[in-house]
């Protein structure tokens, strides 16, 4: 398979099957990852779960996968939390063309909030001792600008000083982290990252060139 479009009818039939089988609590999303990451969705069912529609983009995990150029990237039953507190269980598989390039993905996002609440009520009613259950801390967001902001927030946690006081090696480590997370696949992310690190675009792309050469070696 060299493109998602060439198998569009097959994918549409698969999405029909999943939609009818799992019902309205499961969002099914087909991405064409050859498109701009802010506009990869070419088919979606039950989009009310994430508020997305055809023409919208993917989440943080897909961005990281595209940046790493890995083929073993599937993930199953990852629990995430939305801004409004809903609990989402996600599974994603990725598709490669004949040259191994990532060209698309199929994602399932199931809102399990009612089940988690029901489990809590059962635990309280039965009075059985329960180990503390910790829901995954990964945010469920599909807005690329919000993804970038979350990545920059993570960078702030890693920094023990203001950017103006950081040396070249420290700034390069931040750039390396952002590159591995796919931040530079986001349109115009370079401007925000330059401002964040107090560096010029020339310096940023010099860092990137060095980092990517080191990673290949």
Protein backbone atom coordinates (compact mmCIF):
# COMPACT_ATOMS: atom_id res chain seq x y z
CA UNK A 1 0.00 0.00 0.00
CA UNK A 2 1.50 3.31 -1.09
CA UNK A 3 -1.26 5.64 0.05
CA UNK A 4 -4.31 5.63 2.30
CA UNK A 5 -6.43 6.98 -0.55
CA UNK A 6 -5.87 3.90 -2.72
CA UNK A 7 -7.55 1.77 -0.03
CA UNK A 8 -10.17 4.35 0.93
CA UNK A 9 -13.16 2.07 0.23
CA UNK A 10 -11.71 -0.72 2.37
CA UNK A 11 -10.97 1.68 5.22
CA UNK A 12 -14.49 3.12 4.97
CA UNK A 13 -15.95 -0.38 5.34
CA UNK A 14 -13.71 -1.07 8.34
CA UNK A 15 -14.83 2.16 10.00
CA UNK A 16 -18.46 1.23 9.30
CA UNK A 17 -17.90 -2.10 11.07
CA UNK A 18 -16.18 -0.57 14.09
CA UNK A 19 -18.77 2.19 14.40
CA UNK A 20 -21.70 -0.24 14.43
CA UNK A 21 -19.93 -2.69 16.72
CA UNK A 22 -18.70 -0.31 19.43
CA UNK A 23 -21.48 2.28 19.34
CA UNK A 24 -21.45 6.02 20.11
CA UNK A 25 -18.96 5.85 22.99
CA UNK A 26 -16.09 4.96 20.64
CA UNK A 27 -14.54 7.49 18.30
CA UNK A 28 -12.92 5.95 15.21
CA UNK A 29 -10.43 8.12 13.32
CA UNK A 30 -8.59 7.55 10.04
CA UNK A 31 -5.54 9.75 9.45
CA UNK A 32 -3.63 10.42 6.24
CA UNK A 33 -0.22 11.25 7.69
CA UNK A 34 1.12 12.53 4.37
CA UNK A 35 -0.96 15.68 4.95
CA UNK A 36 -0.12 18.66 7.16
CA UNK A 37 -0.37 17.38 10.73
CA UNK A 38 -3.06 19.91 11.60
CA UNK A 39 -5.34 18.44 8.88
CA UNK A 40 -4.72 14.66 8.77
CA UNK A 41 -8.24 13.36 9.49
CA UNK A 42 -9.93 12.03 6.34
CA UNK A 43 -12.67 9.98 8.05
CA UNK A 44 -14.06 10.09 11.59
CA UNK A 45 -17.00 8.50 13.37
CA UNK A 46 -18.46 9.70 16.68
CA UNK A 47 -16.35 12.82 16.54
CA UNK A 48 -18.33 14.30 19.42
CA UNK A 49 -15.96 12.49 21.79
CA UNK A 50 -13.02 14.73 20.87
CA UNK A 51 -14.96 17.49 19.11
CA UNK A 52 -13.11 16.84 15.85
CA UNK A 53 -14.22 16.54 12.24
CA UNK A 54 -12.77 15.70 8.83
CA UNK A 55 -9.91 18.10 8.12
CA UNK A 56 -8.75 18.35 11.75
CA UNK A 57 -5.48 16.95 13.08
CA UNK A 58 -4.03 14.23 15.28
CA UNK A 59 -2.71 14.05 18.83
CA UNK A 60 0.64 14.14 20.56
CA UNK A 61 1.40 10.43 20.16
CA UNK A 62 0.99 10.51 16.38
CA UNK A 63 3.23 13.57 16.20
CA UNK A 64 5.95 11.77 18.15
CA UNK A 65 5.64 8.69 15.93
CA UNK A 66 6.02 10.73 12.74
CA UNK A 67 9.09 12.47 14.10
CA UNK A 68 10.82 9.21 15.07
CA UNK A 69 10.25 7.46 11.72
CA UNK A 70 9.80 4.16 13.53
CA UNK A 71 7.71 1.28 12.17
CA UNK A 72 6.99 -0.51 15.46
CA UNK A 73 4.71 2.23 16.74
CA UNK A 74 1.35 0.65 17.52
CA UNK A 75 -0.05 1.15 21.00
CA UNK A 76 -3.00 -0.34 22.74
CA UNK A 77 -5.23 0.67 25.68
CA UNK A 78 -3.45 3.89 26.61
CA UNK A 79 -5.55 5.79 29.17
CA UNK A 80 -5.72 9.58 28.86
CA UNK A 81 -7.71 12.40 30.42
CA UNK A 82 -9.47 15.25 28.61
CA UNK A 83 -9.52 18.88 29.75
CA UNK A 84 -13.04 18.41 31.11
CA UNK A 85 -12.07 15.30 33.11
CA UNK A 86 -13.37 12.53 30.86
CA UNK A 87 -11.31 9.33 30.75
CA UNK A 88 -10.41 8.06 27.28
CA UNK A 89 -8.92 4.68 26.36
CA UNK A 90 -6.91 4.90 23.14
CA UNK A 91 -5.50 2.32 20.75
CA UNK A 92 -3.68 3.28 17.54
CA UNK A 93 -2.10 1.42 14.64
CA UNK A 94 0.08 2.96 11.93
CA UNK A 95 0.48 2.08 8.27
CA UNK A 96 3.64 2.22 6.16
CA UNK A 97 4.16 2.33 2.41
CA UNK A 98 6.47 -0.01 0.48
CA UNK A 99 9.48 2.09 1.53
CA UNK A 100 8.59 2.00 5.23
CA UNK A 101 7.36 5.60 5.41
CA UNK A 102 4.51 6.28 7.82
CA UNK A 103 1.51 7.20 5.67
CA UNK A 104 -1.50 6.84 7.94
CA UNK A 105 -3.08 5.60 11.14
CA UNK A 106 -6.32 4.24 12.54
CA UNK A 107 -7.22 5.26 16.09
CA UNK A 108 -9.92 4.22 18.54
CA UNK A 109 -10.85 6.55 21.42
CA UNK A 110 -13.37 5.10 23.86
CA UNK A 111 -14.95 7.24 26.56
CA UNK A 112 -14.79 4.93 29.61
CA UNK A 113 -15.77 7.61 32.13
CA UNK A 114 -19.17 6.01 32.93
CA UNK A 115 -17.51 2.63 33.51
CA UNK A 116 -14.84 4.10 35.78
CA UNK A 117 -17.53 5.91 37.79
CA UNK A 118 -19.59 2.72 38.01
CA UNK A 119 -16.54 0.83 39.26
CA UNK A 120 -16.00 3.45 41.98
CA UNK A 121 -19.62 3.12 43.07
CA UNK A 122 -19.35 -0.67 43.20
CA UNK A 123 -16.16 -0.45 45.25
CA UNK A 124 -17.84 1.94 47.68
CA UNK A 125 -20.94 -0.23 47.95
CA UNK A 126 -19.11 -3.52 48.52
CA UNK A 127 -16.62 -1.92 50.95
CA UNK A 128 -13.88 -4.17 49.61
CA UNK A 129 -10.32 -2.89 50.07
CA UNK A 130 -8.97 -1.52 46.81
CA UNK A 131 -5.47 -0.61 45.70
CA UNK A 132 -5.25 3.00 44.60
CA UNK A 133 -6.05 3.22 40.91
CA UNK A 134 -4.16 5.96 39.12
CA UNK A 135 -5.55 7.10 35.78
CA UNK A 136 -2.99 7.93 33.11
CA UNK A 137 -1.67 11.47 33.27
CA UNK A 138 -1.24 11.94 29.53
CA UNK A 139 -3.59 14.68 28.32
CA UNK A 140 -6.03 13.89 25.51
CA UNK A 141 -5.66 16.78 23.12
CA UNK A 142 -5.61 17.06 19.33
CA UNK A 143 -4.96 20.78 18.87
CA UNK A 144 -1.40 21.09 17.54
CA UNK A 145 -0.88 24.48 19.20
CA UNK A 146 -1.96 23.02 22.53
CA UNK A 147 0.34 20.05 21.98
CA UNK A 148 3.26 22.43 21.44
CA UNK A 149 2.35 24.39 24.58
CA UNK A 150 2.22 21.15 26.61
CA UNK A 151 5.66 20.21 25.28
CA UNK A 152 7.02 23.62 26.27
CA UNK A 153 5.49 23.17 29.72
CA UNK A 154 7.36 19.89 30.01
CA UNK A 155 10.55 21.71 29.01
CA UNK A 156 9.97 24.26 31.79
CA UNK A 157 9.89 21.40 34.28
CA UNK A 158 13.24 20.15 32.95
CA UNK A 159 14.90 23.58 33.18
CA UNK A 160 16.41 24.72 36.48
CA UNK A 161 17.12 28.26 35.26
CA UNK A 162 15.76 30.88 32.84
CA UNK A 163 16.60 30.36 29.16
CA UNK A 164 18.84 33.45 29.14
CA UNK A 165 21.08 31.78 31.74
CA UNK A 166 21.32 28.41 29.95
CA UNK A 167 24.44 27.47 28.00
CA UNK A 168 24.55 26.00 24.52
CA UNK A 169 24.57 22.36 25.66
CA UNK A 170 21.56 22.89 27.92
CA UNK A 171 19.57 24.55 25.16
CA UNK A 172 20.52 21.80 22.73
CA UNK A 173 19.10 19.19 25.12
CA UNK A 174 15.79 21.05 25.12
CA UNK A 175 15.85 21.18 21.31
CA UNK A 176 16.68 17.45 21.20
CA UNK A 177 13.69 16.65 23.45
CA UNK A 178 11.35 18.76 21.31
CA UNK A 179 12.68 17.21 18.10
CA UNK A 180 12.15 13.67 19.40
CA UNK A 181 8.59 14.61 20.38
CA UNK A 182 7.87 15.89 16.86
CA UNK A 183 7.51 19.56 17.80
CA UNK A 184 9.15 20.75 14.57
CA UNK A 185 6.47 19.04 12.48
CA UNK A 186 4.03 21.66 13.80
CA UNK A 187 3.70 24.61 11.43
CA UNK A 188 5.54 27.74 12.66
CA UNK A 189 6.69 25.99 15.84
CA UNK A 190 10.22 27.32 15.24
CA UNK A 191 9.16 30.88 16.06
CA UNK A 192 7.73 29.89 19.45
CA UNK A 193 10.69 27.68 20.30
CA UNK A 194 13.16 30.43 19.41
CA UNK A 195 11.31 32.84 21.67
CA UNK A 196 11.12 30.20 24.40
CA UNK A 197 14.89 29.55 24.32
CA UNK A 198 15.89 33.14 23.50
CA UNK A 199 17.81 32.12 20.38
CA UNK A 200 17.73 33.06 16.69
CA UNK A 201 16.33 30.85 13.96
CA UNK A 202 19.85 30.44 12.58
CA UNK A 203 21.00 29.11 15.97
CA UNK A 204 17.97 26.84 16.29
CA UNK A 205 18.52 25.16 12.92
CA UNK A 206 22.23 24.89 13.62
CA UNK A 207 21.37 23.01 16.83
CA UNK A 208 18.90 20.81 14.94
CA UNK A 209 21.43 19.96 12.25
CA UNK A 210 24.01 18.94 14.86
CA UNK A 211 21.48 16.92 16.91
CA UNK A 212 20.14 15.00 13.93
CA UNK A 213 23.63 14.16 12.72
CA UNK A 214 24.51 12.89 16.20
CA UNK A 215 21.33 10.80 16.35
CA UNK A 216 22.08 9.17 13.00
CA UNK A 217 25.58 8.28 14.17
